[in-house]
PDB file of all heavy atoms in Angstrom:
ATOM      1  N   TRP A   1       0.824  -1.160   0.038  1.00  0.00           N
ATOM      2  CA  TRP A   1      -0.014  -0.002  -0.018  1.00  0.00           C
ATOM      3  C   TRP A   1       0.857   1.249  -0.002  1.00  0.00           C
ATOM      4  O   TRP A   1       0.629   2.215  -0.715  1.00  0.00           O
ATOM      5  CB  TRP A   1      -0.903  -0.036   1.207  1.00  0.00           C
ATOM      6  CG  TRP A   1      -1.755   1.231   1.336  1.00  0.00           C
ATOM      7  CD1 TRP A   1      -2.940   1.477   0.695  1.00  0.00           C
ATOM      8  CD2 TRP A   1      -1.446   2.433   2.095  1.00  0.00           C
ATOM      9  NE1 TRP A   1      -3.376   2.685   1.057  1.00  0.00           N
ATOM     10  CE2 TRP A   1      -2.527   3.308   1.886  1.00  0.00           C
ATOM     11  CE3 TRP A   1      -0.437   2.825   2.907  1.00  0.00           C
ATOM     12  CZ2 TRP A   1      -2.504   4.531   2.482  1.00  0.00           C
ATOM     13  CZ3 TRP A   1      -0.474   4.085   3.472  1.00  0.00           C
ATOM     14  CH2 TRP A   1      -1.478   4.912   3.267  1.00  0.00           C
ATOM     15  N   TYR A   2       1.918   1.254   0.814  1.00  0.00           N
ATOM     16  CA  TYR A   2       2.807   2.443   0.928  1.00  0.00           C
ATOM     17  C   TYR A   2       3.490   2.762  -0.460  1.00  0.00           C
ATOM     18  O   TYR A   2       3.517   3.857  -0.850  1.00  0.00           O
ATOM     19  CB  TYR A   2       3.875   2.187   1.969  1.00  0.00           C
ATOM     20  CG  TYR A   2       4.831   3.289   2.149  1.00  0.00           C
ATOM     21  CD1 TYR A   2       4.564   4.442   2.910  1.00  0.00           C
ATOM     22  CD2 TYR A   2       6.099   3.215   1.525  1.00  0.00           C
ATOM     23  CE1 TYR A   2       5.481   5.490   3.017  1.00  0.00           C
ATOM     24  CE2 TYR A   2       7.028   4.256   1.634  1.00  0.00           C
ATOM     25  CZ  TYR A   2       6.671   5.357   2.421  1.00  0.00           C
ATOM     26  OH  TYR A   2       7.593   6.417   2.605  1.00  0.00           O
ATOM     27  N   TYR A   3       3.984   1.704  -1.081  1.00  0.00           N
ATOM     28  CA  TYR A   3       4.760   1.895  -2.315  1.00  0.00           C
ATOM     29  C   TYR A   3       3.822   2.180  -3.505  1.00  0.00           C
ATOM     30  O   TYR A   3       4.303   2.575  -4.530  1.00  0.00           O
ATOM     31  CB  TYR A   3       5.710   0.740  -2.575  1.00  0.00           C
ATOM     32  CG  TYR A   3       6.944   0.915  -1.773  1.00  0.00           C
ATOM     33  CD1 TYR A   3       7.197   0.175  -0.667  1.00  0.00           C
ATOM     34  CD2 TYR A   3       7.916   1.913  -2.147  1.00  0.00           C
ATOM     35  CE1 TYR A   3       8.350   0.399   0.130  1.00  0.00           C
ATOM     36  CE2 TYR A   3       9.048   2.098  -1.413  1.00  0.00           C
ATOM     37  CZ  TYR A   3       9.254   1.341  -0.251  1.00  0.00           C
ATOM     38  OH  TYR A   3      10.363   1.559   0.443  1.00  0.00           O
ATOM     39  N   GLU A   4       2.548   1.926  -3.354  1.00  0.00           N
ATOM     40  CA  GLU A   4       1.615   2.324  -4.431  1.00  0.00           C
ATOM     41  C   GLU A   4       1.408   3.795  -4.392  1.00  0.00           C
ATOM     42  O   GLU A   4       1.270   4.380  -5.503  1.00  0.00           O
ATOM     43  CB  GLU A   4       0.254   1.673  -4.173  1.00  0.00           C
ATOM     44  CG  GLU A   4      -0.753   1.928  -5.202  1.00  0.00           C
ATOM     45  CD  GLU A   4      -2.137   1.269  -4.924  1.00  0.00           C
ATOM     46  OE1 GLU A   4      -2.190   0.392  -4.051  1.00  0.00           O
ATOM     47  OE2 GLU A   4      -3.047   1.636  -5.627  1.00  0.00           O
ATOM     48  N   TYR A   5       1.472   4.458  -3.270  1.00  0.00           N
ATOM     49  CA  TYR A   5       1.172   5.870  -3.150  1.00  0.00           C
ATOM     50  C   TYR A   5       2.427   6.769  -3.107  1.00  0.00           C
ATOM     51  O   TYR A   5       2.396   7.899  -3.454  1.00  0.00           O
ATOM     52  CB  TYR A   5       0.289   6.169  -1.942  1.00  0.00           C
ATOM     53  CG  TYR A   5      -1.075   5.626  -2.103  1.00  0.00           C
ATOM     54  CD1 TYR A   5      -1.490   4.444  -1.466  1.00  0.00           C
ATOM     55  CD2 TYR A   5      -1.994   6.266  -2.987  1.00  0.00           C
ATOM     56  CE1 TYR A   5      -2.802   3.945  -1.710  1.00  0.00           C
ATOM     57  CE2 TYR A   5      -3.281   5.757  -3.166  1.00  0.00           C
ATOM     58  CZ  TYR A   5      -3.633   4.632  -2.520  1.00  0.00           C
ATOM     59  OH  TYR A   5      -4.896   4.074  -2.732  1.00  0.00           O
ATOM     60  N   TYR A   6       3.561   6.251  -2.684  1.00  0.00           N
ATOM     61  CA  TYR A   6       4.762   7.071  -2.538  1.00  0.00           C
ATOM     62  C   TYR A   6       5.831   6.505  -3.430  1.00  0.00           C
ATOM     63  O   TYR A   6       6.204   5.293  -3.366  1.00  0.00           O
ATOM     64  CB  TYR A   6       5.229   7.034  -1.042  1.00  0.00           C
ATOM     65  CG  TYR A   6       4.174   7.663  -0.141  1.00  0.00           C
ATOM     66  CD1 TYR A   6       3.337   6.825   0.626  1.00  0.00           C
ATOM     67  CD2 TYR A   6       3.990   8.991  -0.070  1.00  0.00           C
ATOM     68  CE1 TYR A   6       2.424   7.368   1.480  1.00  0.00           C
ATOM     69  CE2 TYR A   6       3.053   9.582   0.702  1.00  0.00           C
ATOM     70  CZ  TYR A   6       2.240   8.736   1.500  1.00  0.00           C
ATOM     71  OH  TYR A   6       1.280   9.338   2.283  1.00  0.00           O
ATOM     72  N   LYS A   7       6.430   7.389  -4.226  1.00  0.00           N
ATOM     73  CA  LYS A   7       7.450   6.946  -5.133  1.00  0.00           C
ATOM     74  C   LYS A   7       8.859   7.119  -4.573  1.00  0.00           C
ATOM     75  O   LYS A   7       9.104   7.942  -3.700  1.00  0.00           O
ATOM     76  CB  LYS A   7       7.357   7.831  -6.401  1.00  0.00           C
ATOM     77  CG  LYS A   7       6.079   7.686  -7.117  1.00  0.00           C
ATOM     78  CD  LYS A   7       5.981   8.655  -8.246  1.00  0.00           C
ATOM     79  CE  LYS A   7       4.576   8.488  -8.859  1.00  0.00           C
ATOM     80  NZ  LYS A   7       4.290   9.553  -9.771  1.00  0.00           N
ATOM     81  N   SER A   8       9.778   6.329  -5.096  1.00  0.00           N
ATOM     82  CA  SER A   8      11.135   6.367  -4.572  1.00  0.00           C
ATOM     83  C   SER A   8      11.768   7.633  -5.107  1.00  0.00           C
ATOM     84  O   SER A   8      11.343   8.257  -6.100  1.00  0.00           O
ATOM     85  CB  SER A   8      11.928   5.166  -5.099  1.00  0.00           C
ATOM     86  OG  SER A   8      12.065   5.271  -6.529  1.00  0.00           O
ATOM     87  N   PRO A   9      12.852   8.137  -4.357  1.00  0.00           N
ATOM     88  CA  PRO A   9      13.553   9.339  -4.860  1.00  0.00           C
ATOM     89  C   PRO A   9      14.061   9.265  -6.302  1.00  0.00           C
ATOM     90  O   PRO A   9      14.005  10.182  -7.083  1.00  0.00           O
ATOM     91  CB  PRO A   9      14.673   9.484  -3.886  1.00  0.00           C
ATOM     92  CG  PRO A   9      14.245   8.802  -2.656  1.00  0.00           C
ATOM     93  CD  PRO A   9      13.349   7.640  -3.156  1.00  0.00           C
ATOM     94  N   MET A  10      14.498   8.052  -6.732  1.00  0.00           N
ATOM     95  CA  MET A  10      15.025   7.831  -8.065  1.00  0.00           C
ATOM     96  C   MET A  10      13.836   8.004  -9.103  1.00  0.00           C
ATOM     97  O   MET A  10      14.076   8.648 -10.206  1.00  0.00           O
ATOM     98  CB  MET A  10      15.679   6.528  -8.290  1.00  0.00           C
ATOM     99  CG  MET A  10      16.290   6.288  -9.638  1.00  0.00           C
ATOM    100  SD  MET A  10      17.572   7.571 -10.047  1.00  0.00           S
ATOM    101  CE  MET A  10      18.997   6.786  -9.215  1.00  0.00           C
ATOM    102  N   GLU A  11      12.721   7.450  -8.781  1.00  0.00           N
ATOM    103  CA  GLU A  11      11.554   7.615  -9.693  1.00  0.00           C
ATOM    104  C   GLU A  11      11.095   9.024  -9.777  1.00  0.00           C
ATOM    105  O   GLU A  11      10.706   9.484 -10.814  1.00  0.00           O
ATOM    106  CB  GLU A  11      10.377   6.659  -9.266  1.00  0.00           C
ATOM    107  CG  GLU A  11       9.328   6.613 -10.224  1.00  0.00           C
ATOM    108  CD  GLU A  11       8.291   5.570  -9.879  1.00  0.00           C
ATOM    109  OE1 GLU A  11       8.526   4.730  -9.003  1.00  0.00           O
ATOM    110  OE2 GLU A  11       7.215   5.620 -10.521  1.00  0.00           O
ATOM    111  N   GLN A  12      11.185   9.789  -8.676  1.00  0.00           N
ATOM    112  CA  GLN A  12      10.832  11.194  -8.691  1.00  0.00           C
ATOM    113  C   GLN A  12      11.787  11.965  -9.595  1.00  0.00           C
ATOM    114  O   GLN A  12      11.383  12.892 -10.302  1.00  0.00           O
ATOM    115  CB  GLN A  12      10.853  11.746  -7.248  1.00  0.00           C
ATOM    116  CG  GLN A  12       9.681  11.233  -6.388  1.00  0.00           C
ATOM    117  CD  GLN A  12       9.793  11.706  -4.983  1.00  0.00           C
ATOM    118  OE1 GLN A  12      10.800  12.431  -4.589  1.00  0.00           O
ATOM    119  NE2 GLN A  12       8.862  11.321  -4.191  1.00  0.00           N
ATOM    120  N   MET A  13      13.084  11.587  -9.535  1.00  0.00           N
ATOM    121  CA  MET A  13      14.034  12.230 -10.353  1.00  0.00           C
ATOM    122  C   MET A  13      13.807  11.950 -11.838  1.00  0.00           C
ATOM    123  O   MET A  13      13.879  12.852 -12.682  1.00  0.00           O
ATOM    124  CB  MET A  13      15.478  11.901  -9.960  1.00  0.00           C
ATOM    125  CG  MET A  13      15.905  12.508  -8.620  1.00  0.00           C
ATOM    126  SD  MET A  13      17.652  12.223  -8.265  1.00  0.00           S
ATOM    127  CE  MET A  13      17.740  10.476  -8.036  1.00  0.00           C
ATOM    128  N   HIS A  14      13.476  10.683 -12.125  1.00  0.00           N
ATOM    129  CA  HIS A  14      13.152  10.328 -13.536  1.00  0.00           C
ATOM    130  C   HIS A  14      12.034  11.157 -14.044  1.00  0.00           C
ATOM    131  O   HIS A  14      11.997  11.604 -15.132  1.00  0.00           O
ATOM    132  CB  HIS A  14      12.870   8.846 -13.664  1.00  0.00           C
ATOM    133  CG  HIS A  14      14.115   8.042 -13.773  1.00  0.00           C
ATOM    134  ND1 HIS A  14      14.687   7.818 -15.004  1.00  0.00           N
ATOM    135  CD2 HIS A  14      14.900   7.325 -12.880  1.00  0.00           C
ATOM    136  CE1 HIS A  14      15.758   7.044 -14.922  1.00  0.00           C
ATOM    137  NE2 HIS A  14      15.900   6.736 -13.612  1.00  0.00           N
ATOM    138  N   GLU A  15      10.933  11.313 -13.262  1.00  0.00           N
ATOM    139  CA  GLU A  15       9.776  12.001 -13.625  1.00  0.00           C
ATOM    140  C   GLU A  15      10.060  13.505 -13.843  1.00  0.00           C
ATOM    141  O   GLU A  15       9.582  14.107 -14.730  1.00  0.00           O
ATOM    142  CB  GLU A  15       8.655  11.829 -12.637  1.00  0.00           C
ATOM    143  CG  GLU A  15       8.024  10.461 -12.751  1.00  0.00           C
ATOM    144  CD  GLU A  15       6.769  10.291 -11.835  1.00  0.00           C
ATOM    145  OE1 GLU A  15       6.470  11.210 -11.061  1.00  0.00           O
ATOM    146  OE2 GLU A  15       6.173   9.208 -11.988  1.00  0.00           O
ATOM    147  N   ARG A  16      10.921  14.086 -12.925  1.00  0.00           N
ATOM    148  CA  ARG A  16      11.316  15.436 -13.070  1.00  0.00           C
ATOM    149  C   ARG A  16      12.056  15.659 -14.368  1.00  0.00           C
ATOM    150  O   ARG A  16      11.826  16.677 -15.120  1.00  0.00           O
ATOM    151  CB  ARG A  16      12.185  15.827 -11.877  1.00  0.00           C
ATOM    152  CG  ARG A  16      12.524  17.272 -11.865  1.00  0.00           C
ATOM    153  CD  ARG A  16      13.379  17.578 -10.671  1.00  0.00           C
ATOM    154  NE  ARG A  16      13.741  18.987 -10.544  1.00  0.00           N
ATOM    155  CZ  ARG A  16      14.618  19.494  -9.775  1.00  0.00           C
ATOM    156  NH1 ARG A  16      15.287  18.695  -8.969  1.00  0.00           N
ATOM    157  NH2 ARG A  16      14.899  20.782  -9.806  1.00  0.00           N
ATOM    158  N   CYS A  17      12.956  14.788 -14.761  1.00  0.00           N
ATOM    159  CA  CYS A  17      13.705  14.857 -15.984  1.00  0.00           C
ATOM    160  C   CYS A  17      12.726  14.719 -17.177  1.00  0.00           C
ATOM    161  O   CYS A  17      12.868  15.398 -18.210  1.00  0.00           O
ATOM    162  CB  CYS A  17      14.811  13.878 -16.043  1.00  0.00           C
ATOM    163  SG  CYS A  17      15.942  13.998 -17.415  1.00  0.00           S
ATOM    164  N   GLU A  18      11.810  13.710 -17.102  1.00  0.00           N
ATOM    165  CA  GLU A  18      10.936  13.433 -18.224  1.00  0.00           C
ATOM    166  C   GLU A  18       9.981  14.638 -18.447  1.00  0.00           C
ATOM    167  O   GLU A  18       9.583  14.884 -19.546  1.00  0.00           O
ATOM    168  CB  GLU A  18      10.057  12.234 -17.946  1.00  0.00           C
ATOM    169  CG  GLU A  18      10.830  10.943 -18.090  1.00  0.00           C
ATOM    170  CD  GLU A  18      10.059   9.698 -17.527  1.00  0.00           C
ATOM    171  OE1 GLU A  18       8.915   9.946 -17.122  1.00  0.00           O
ATOM    172  OE2 GLU A  18      10.559   8.650 -17.611  1.00  0.00           O
ATOM    173  N   ASN A  19       9.573  15.373 -17.414  1.00  0.00           N
ATOM    174  CA  ASN A  19       8.736  16.490 -17.592  1.00  0.00           C
ATOM    175  C   ASN A  19       9.359  17.781 -18.063  1.00  0.00           C
ATOM    176  O   ASN A  19       8.649  18.721 -18.429  1.00  0.00           O
ATOM    177  CB  ASN A  19       8.025  16.784 -16.161  1.00  0.00           C
ATOM    178  CG  ASN A  19       6.981  15.732 -15.850  1.00  0.00           C
ATOM    179  OD1 ASN A  19       6.563  14.966 -16.691  1.00  0.00           O
ATOM    180  ND2 ASN A  19       6.812  15.565 -14.523  1.00  0.00           N
ATOM    181  N   TYR A  20      10.709  17.744 -18.161  1.00  0.00           N
ATOM    182  CA  TYR A  20      11.507  18.872 -18.704  1.00  0.00           C
ATOM    183  C   TYR A  20      12.014  18.411 -20.014  1.00  0.00           C
ATOM    184  O   TYR A  20      12.924  17.617 -20.101  1.00  0.00           O
ATOM    185  CB  TYR A  20      12.581  19.243 -17.734  1.00  0.00           C
ATOM    186  CG  TYR A  20      13.384  20.514 -18.086  1.00  0.00           C
ATOM    187  CD1 TYR A  20      12.673  21.711 -18.284  1.00  0.00           C
ATOM    188  CD2 TYR A  20      14.701  20.499 -18.249  1.00  0.00           C
ATOM    189  CE1 TYR A  20      13.381  22.861 -18.647  1.00  0.00           C
ATOM    190  CE2 TYR A  20      15.387  21.635 -18.556  1.00  0.00           C
ATOM    191  CZ  TYR A  20      14.745  22.804 -18.734  1.00  0.00           C
ATOM    192  OH  TYR A  20      15.427  23.990 -19.057  1.00  0.00           O
ATOM    193  N   PRO A  21      11.479  18.920 -21.123  1.00  0.00           N
ATOM    194  CA  PRO A  21      11.768  18.413 -22.467  1.00  0.00           C
ATOM    195  C   PRO A  21      13.290  18.388 -22.848  1.00  0.00           C
ATOM    196  O   PRO A  21      13.785  17.411 -23.317  1.00  0.00           O
ATOM    197  CB  PRO A  21      11.005  19.233 -23.455  1.00  0.00           C
ATOM    198  CG  PRO A  21       9.811  19.740 -22.641  1.00  0.00           C
ATOM    199  CD  PRO A  21      10.300  19.915 -21.239  1.00  0.00           C
ATOM    200  N   PRO A  22      14.053  19.482 -22.481  1.00  0.00           N
ATOM    201  CA  PRO A  22      15.502  19.365 -22.871  1.00  0.00           C
ATOM    202  C   PRO A  22      16.198  18.169 -22.116  1.00  0.00           C
ATOM    203  O   PRO A  22      17.043  17.522 -22.684  1.00  0.00           O
ATOM    204  CB  PRO A  22      16.052  20.694 -22.381  1.00  0.00           C
ATOM    205  CG  PRO A  22      14.911  21.643 -22.421  1.00  0.00           C
ATOM    206  CD  PRO A  22      13.694  20.778 -22.042  1.00  0.00           C
ATOM    207  N   CYS A  23      15.836  18.006 -20.841  1.00  0.00           N
ATOM    208  CA  CYS A  23      16.436  16.869 -20.080  1.00  0.00           C
ATOM    209  C   CYS A  23      15.972  15.545 -20.652  1.00  0.00           C
ATOM    210  O   CYS A  23      16.809  14.598 -20.731  1.00  0.00           O
ATOM    211  CB  CYS A  23      16.098  16.976 -18.586  1.00  0.00           C
ATOM    212  SG  CYS A  23      16.861  15.759 -17.542  1.00  0.00           S
ATOM    213  N   ASP A  24      14.735  15.409 -20.967  1.00  0.00           N
ATOM    214  CA  ASP A  24      14.246  14.195 -21.510  1.00  0.00           C
ATOM    215  C   ASP A  24      14.930  13.788 -22.842  1.00  0.00           C
ATOM    216  O   ASP A  24      15.308  12.660 -23.078  1.00  0.00           O
ATOM    217  CB  ASP A  24      12.729  14.330 -21.734  1.00  0.00           C
ATOM    218  CG  ASP A  24      12.094  12.972 -22.127  1.00  0.00           C
ATOM    219  OD1 ASP A  24      12.522  11.955 -21.649  1.00  0.00           O
ATOM    220  OD2 ASP A  24      11.110  13.014 -22.897  1.00  0.00           O
ATOM    221  N   TYR A  25      15.048  14.846 -23.691  1.00  0.00           N
ATOM    222  CA  TYR A  25      15.769  14.634 -24.967  1.00  0.00           C
ATOM    223  C   TYR A  25      17.210  14.189 -24.746  1.00  0.00           C
ATOM    224  O   TYR A  25      17.689  13.261 -25.380  1.00  0.00           O
ATOM    225  CB  TYR A  25      15.653  15.873 -25.855  1.00  0.00           C
ATOM    226  CG  TYR A  25      16.423  15.758 -27.159  1.00  0.00           C
ATOM    227  CD1 TYR A  25      15.882  15.039 -28.211  1.00  0.00           C
ATOM    228  CD2 TYR A  25      17.724  16.351 -27.249  1.00  0.00           C
ATOM    229  CE1 TYR A  25      16.591  14.897 -29.392  1.00  0.00           C
ATOM    230  CE2 TYR A  25      18.380  16.254 -28.485  1.00  0.00           C
ATOM    231  CZ  TYR A  25      17.875  15.535 -29.553  1.00  0.00           C
ATOM    232  OH  TYR A  25      18.547  15.382 -30.699  1.00  0.00           O
ATOM    233  N   LEU A  26      17.894  14.928 -23.868  1.00  0.00           N
ATOM    234  CA  LEU A  26      19.347  14.632 -23.637  1.00  0.00           C
ATOM    235  C   LEU A  26      19.494  13.263 -22.947  1.00  0.00           C
ATOM    236  O   LEU A  26      20.523  12.567 -23.201  1.00  0.00           O
ATOM    237  CB  LEU A  26      19.933  15.762 -22.799  1.00  0.00           C
ATOM    238  CG  LEU A  26      21.495  15.699 -22.671  1.00  0.00           C
ATOM    239  CD1 LEU A  26      22.087  15.880 -24.113  1.00  0.00           C
ATOM    240  CD2 LEU A  26      21.955  16.840 -21.781  1.00  0.00           C
ATOM    241  N   SER A  27      18.545  12.866 -22.162  1.00  0.00           N
ATOM    242  CA  SER A  27      18.677  11.559 -21.487  1.00  0.00           C
ATOM    243  C   SER A  27      18.599  10.416 -22.508  1.00  0.00           C
ATOM    244  O   SER A  27      19.195   9.369 -22.296  1.00  0.00           O
ATOM    245  CB  SER A  27      17.591  11.399 -20.399  1.00  0.00           C
ATOM    246  OG  SER A  27      16.317  11.254 -20.999  1.00  0.00           O
ATOM    247  N   ASP A  28      17.879  10.591 -23.594  1.00  0.00           N
ATOM    248  CA  ASP A  28      17.852   9.623 -24.641  1.00  0.00           C
ATOM    249  C   ASP A  28      19.155   9.561 -25.400  1.00  0.00           C
ATOM    250  O   ASP A  28      19.526   8.497 -25.962  1.00  0.00           O
ATOM    251  CB  ASP A  28      16.736   9.923 -25.678  1.00  0.00           C
ATOM    252  CG  ASP A  28      15.361   9.732 -25.060  1.00  0.00           C
ATOM    253  OD1 ASP A  28      15.203   8.990 -24.108  1.00  0.00           O
ATOM    254  OD2 ASP A  28      14.375  10.331 -25.591  1.00  0.00           O
ATOM    255  N   GLN A  29      19.907  10.661 -25.414  1.00  0.00           N
ATOM    256  CA  GLN A  29      21.153  10.681 -26.143  1.00  0.00           C
ATOM    257  C   GLN A  29      22.347  10.210 -25.294  1.00  0.00           C
ATOM    258  O   GLN A  29      23.183   9.424 -25.808  1.00  0.00           O
ATOM    259  CB  GLN A  29      21.449  12.237 -26.615  1.00  0.00           C
ATOM    260  CG  GLN A  29      20.319  12.780 -27.391  1.00  0.00           C
ATOM    261  CD  GLN A  29      20.032  12.101 -28.641  1.00  0.00           C
ATOM    262  OE1 GLN A  29      20.929  11.608 -29.356  1.00  0.00           O
ATOM    263  NE2 GLN A  29      18.759  11.895 -28.992  1.00  0.00           N
ATOM    264  N   ILE A  30      22.440  10.698 -24.073  1.00  0.00           N
ATOM    265  CA  ILE A  30      23.693  10.467 -23.291  1.00  0.00           C
ATOM    266  C   ILE A  30      23.457   9.664 -21.989  1.00  0.00           C
ATOM    267  O   ILE A  30      24.335   9.309 -21.246  1.00  0.00           O
ATOM    268  CB  ILE A  30      24.461  11.715 -22.941  1.00  0.00           C
ATOM    269  CG1 ILE A  30      23.612  12.626 -22.018  1.00  0.00           C
ATOM    270  CG2 ILE A  30      24.918  12.396 -24.190  1.00  0.00           C
ATOM    271  CD1 ILE A  30      24.368  13.869 -21.588  1.00  0.00           C
ATOM    272  N   GLY A  31      22.130   9.377 -21.679  1.00  0.00           N
ATOM    273  CA  GLY A  31      21.777   8.666 -20.456  1.00  0.00           C
ATOM    274  C   GLY A  31      21.174   9.542 -19.436  1.00  0.00           C
ATOM    275  O   GLY A  31      21.423  10.791 -19.423  1.00  0.00           O
ATOM    276  N   PHE A  32      20.390   8.931 -18.505  1.00  0.00           N
ATOM    277  CA  PHE A  32      19.699   9.686 -17.586  1.00  0.00           C
ATOM    278  C   PHE A  32      20.609  10.393 -16.547  1.00  0.00           C
ATOM    279  O   PHE A  32      20.367  11.599 -16.316  1.00  0.00           O
ATOM    280  CB  PHE A  32      18.696   8.742 -16.802  1.00  0.00           C
ATOM    281  CG  PHE A  32      18.158   9.373 -15.575  1.00  0.00           C
ATOM    282  CD1 PHE A  32      17.224  10.371 -15.605  1.00  0.00           C
ATOM    283  CD2 PHE A  32      18.669   9.042 -14.224  1.00  0.00           C
ATOM    284  CE1 PHE A  32      16.712  10.986 -14.506  1.00  0.00           C
ATOM    285  CE2 PHE A  32      18.170   9.597 -13.170  1.00  0.00           C
ATOM    286  CZ  PHE A  32      17.147  10.606 -13.284  1.00  0.00           C
ATOM    287  N   SER A  33      21.564   9.741 -15.970  1.00  0.00           N
ATOM    288  CA  SER A  33      22.330  10.305 -14.939  1.00  0.00           C
ATOM    289  C   SER A  33      23.093  11.556 -15.389  1.00  0.00           C
ATOM    290  O   SER A  33      23.137  12.620 -14.677  1.00  0.00           O
ATOM    291  CB  SER A  33      23.341   9.354 -14.282  1.00  0.00           C
ATOM    292  OG  SER A  33      24.150   8.813 -15.304  1.00  0.00           O
ATOM    293  N   MET A  34      23.652  11.488 -16.581  1.00  0.00           N
ATOM    294  CA  MET A  34      24.419  12.688 -17.100  1.00  0.00           C
ATOM    295  C   MET A  34      23.521  13.817 -17.471  1.00  0.00           C
ATOM    296  O   MET A  34      23.808  15.012 -17.178  1.00  0.00           O
ATOM    297  CB  MET A  34      25.281  12.282 -18.309  1.00  0.00           C
ATOM    298  CG  MET A  34      26.368  11.355 -17.930  1.00  0.00           C
ATOM    299  SD  MET A  34      27.363  10.763 -19.348  1.00  0.00           S
ATOM    300  CE  MET A  34      28.161  12.238 -19.787  1.00  0.00           C
ATOM    301  N   ALA A  35      22.335  13.480 -18.004  1.00  0.00           N
ATOM    302  CA  ALA A  35      21.392  14.550 -18.355  1.00  0.00           C
ATOM    303  C   ALA A  35      20.819  15.162 -17.062  1.00  0.00           C
ATOM    304  O   ALA A  35      20.645  16.419 -17.009  1.00  0.00           O
ATOM    305  CB  ALA A  35      20.221  13.980 -19.138  1.00  0.00           C
ATOM    306  N   TYR A  36      20.520  14.398 -16.117  1.00  0.00           N
ATOM    307  CA  TYR A  36      19.997  14.945 -14.817  1.00  0.00           C
ATOM    308  C   TYR A  36      21.094  15.845 -14.150  1.00  0.00           C
ATOM    309  O   TYR A  36      20.694  16.945 -13.677  1.00  0.00           O
ATOM    310  CB  TYR A  36      19.574  13.837 -13.889  1.00  0.00           C
ATOM    311  CG  TYR A  36      18.787  14.394 -12.679  1.00  0.00           C
ATOM    312  CD1 TYR A  36      17.454  14.470 -12.746  1.00  0.00           C
ATOM    313  CD2 TYR A  36      19.453  14.661 -11.517  1.00  0.00           C
ATOM    314  CE1 TYR A  36      16.685  14.984 -11.656  1.00  0.00           C
ATOM    315  CE2 TYR A  36      18.775  15.147 -10.362  1.00  0.00           C
ATOM    316  CZ  TYR A  36      17.439  15.323 -10.454  1.00  0.00           C
ATOM    317  OH  TYR A  36      16.705  15.787  -9.396  1.00  0.00           O
ATOM    318  N   ASN A  37      22.263  15.417 -14.098  1.00  0.00           N
ATOM    319  CA  ASN A  37      23.290  16.215 -13.528  1.00  0.00           C
ATOM    320  C   ASN A  37      23.502  17.526 -14.265  1.00  0.00           C
ATOM    321  O   ASN A  37      23.798  18.560 -13.654  1.00  0.00           O
ATOM    322  CB  ASN A  37      24.624  15.440 -13.562  1.00  0.00           C
ATOM    323  CG  ASN A  37      24.625  14.388 -12.457  1.00  0.00           C
ATOM    324  OD1 ASN A  37      23.862  14.329 -11.557  1.00  0.00           O
ATOM    325  ND2 ASN A  37      25.499  13.366 -12.690  1.00  0.00           N
TER     326      ASN A  37
END
């Protein structure tokens, strides 16, 4: 029940990057961690 409603910090970071188009595009090119940084 807890994990259905609360996301892990890594999943929150992925969503933050996906919601920002330049980061989402760059993550497809060079990877998530480098784009997020």
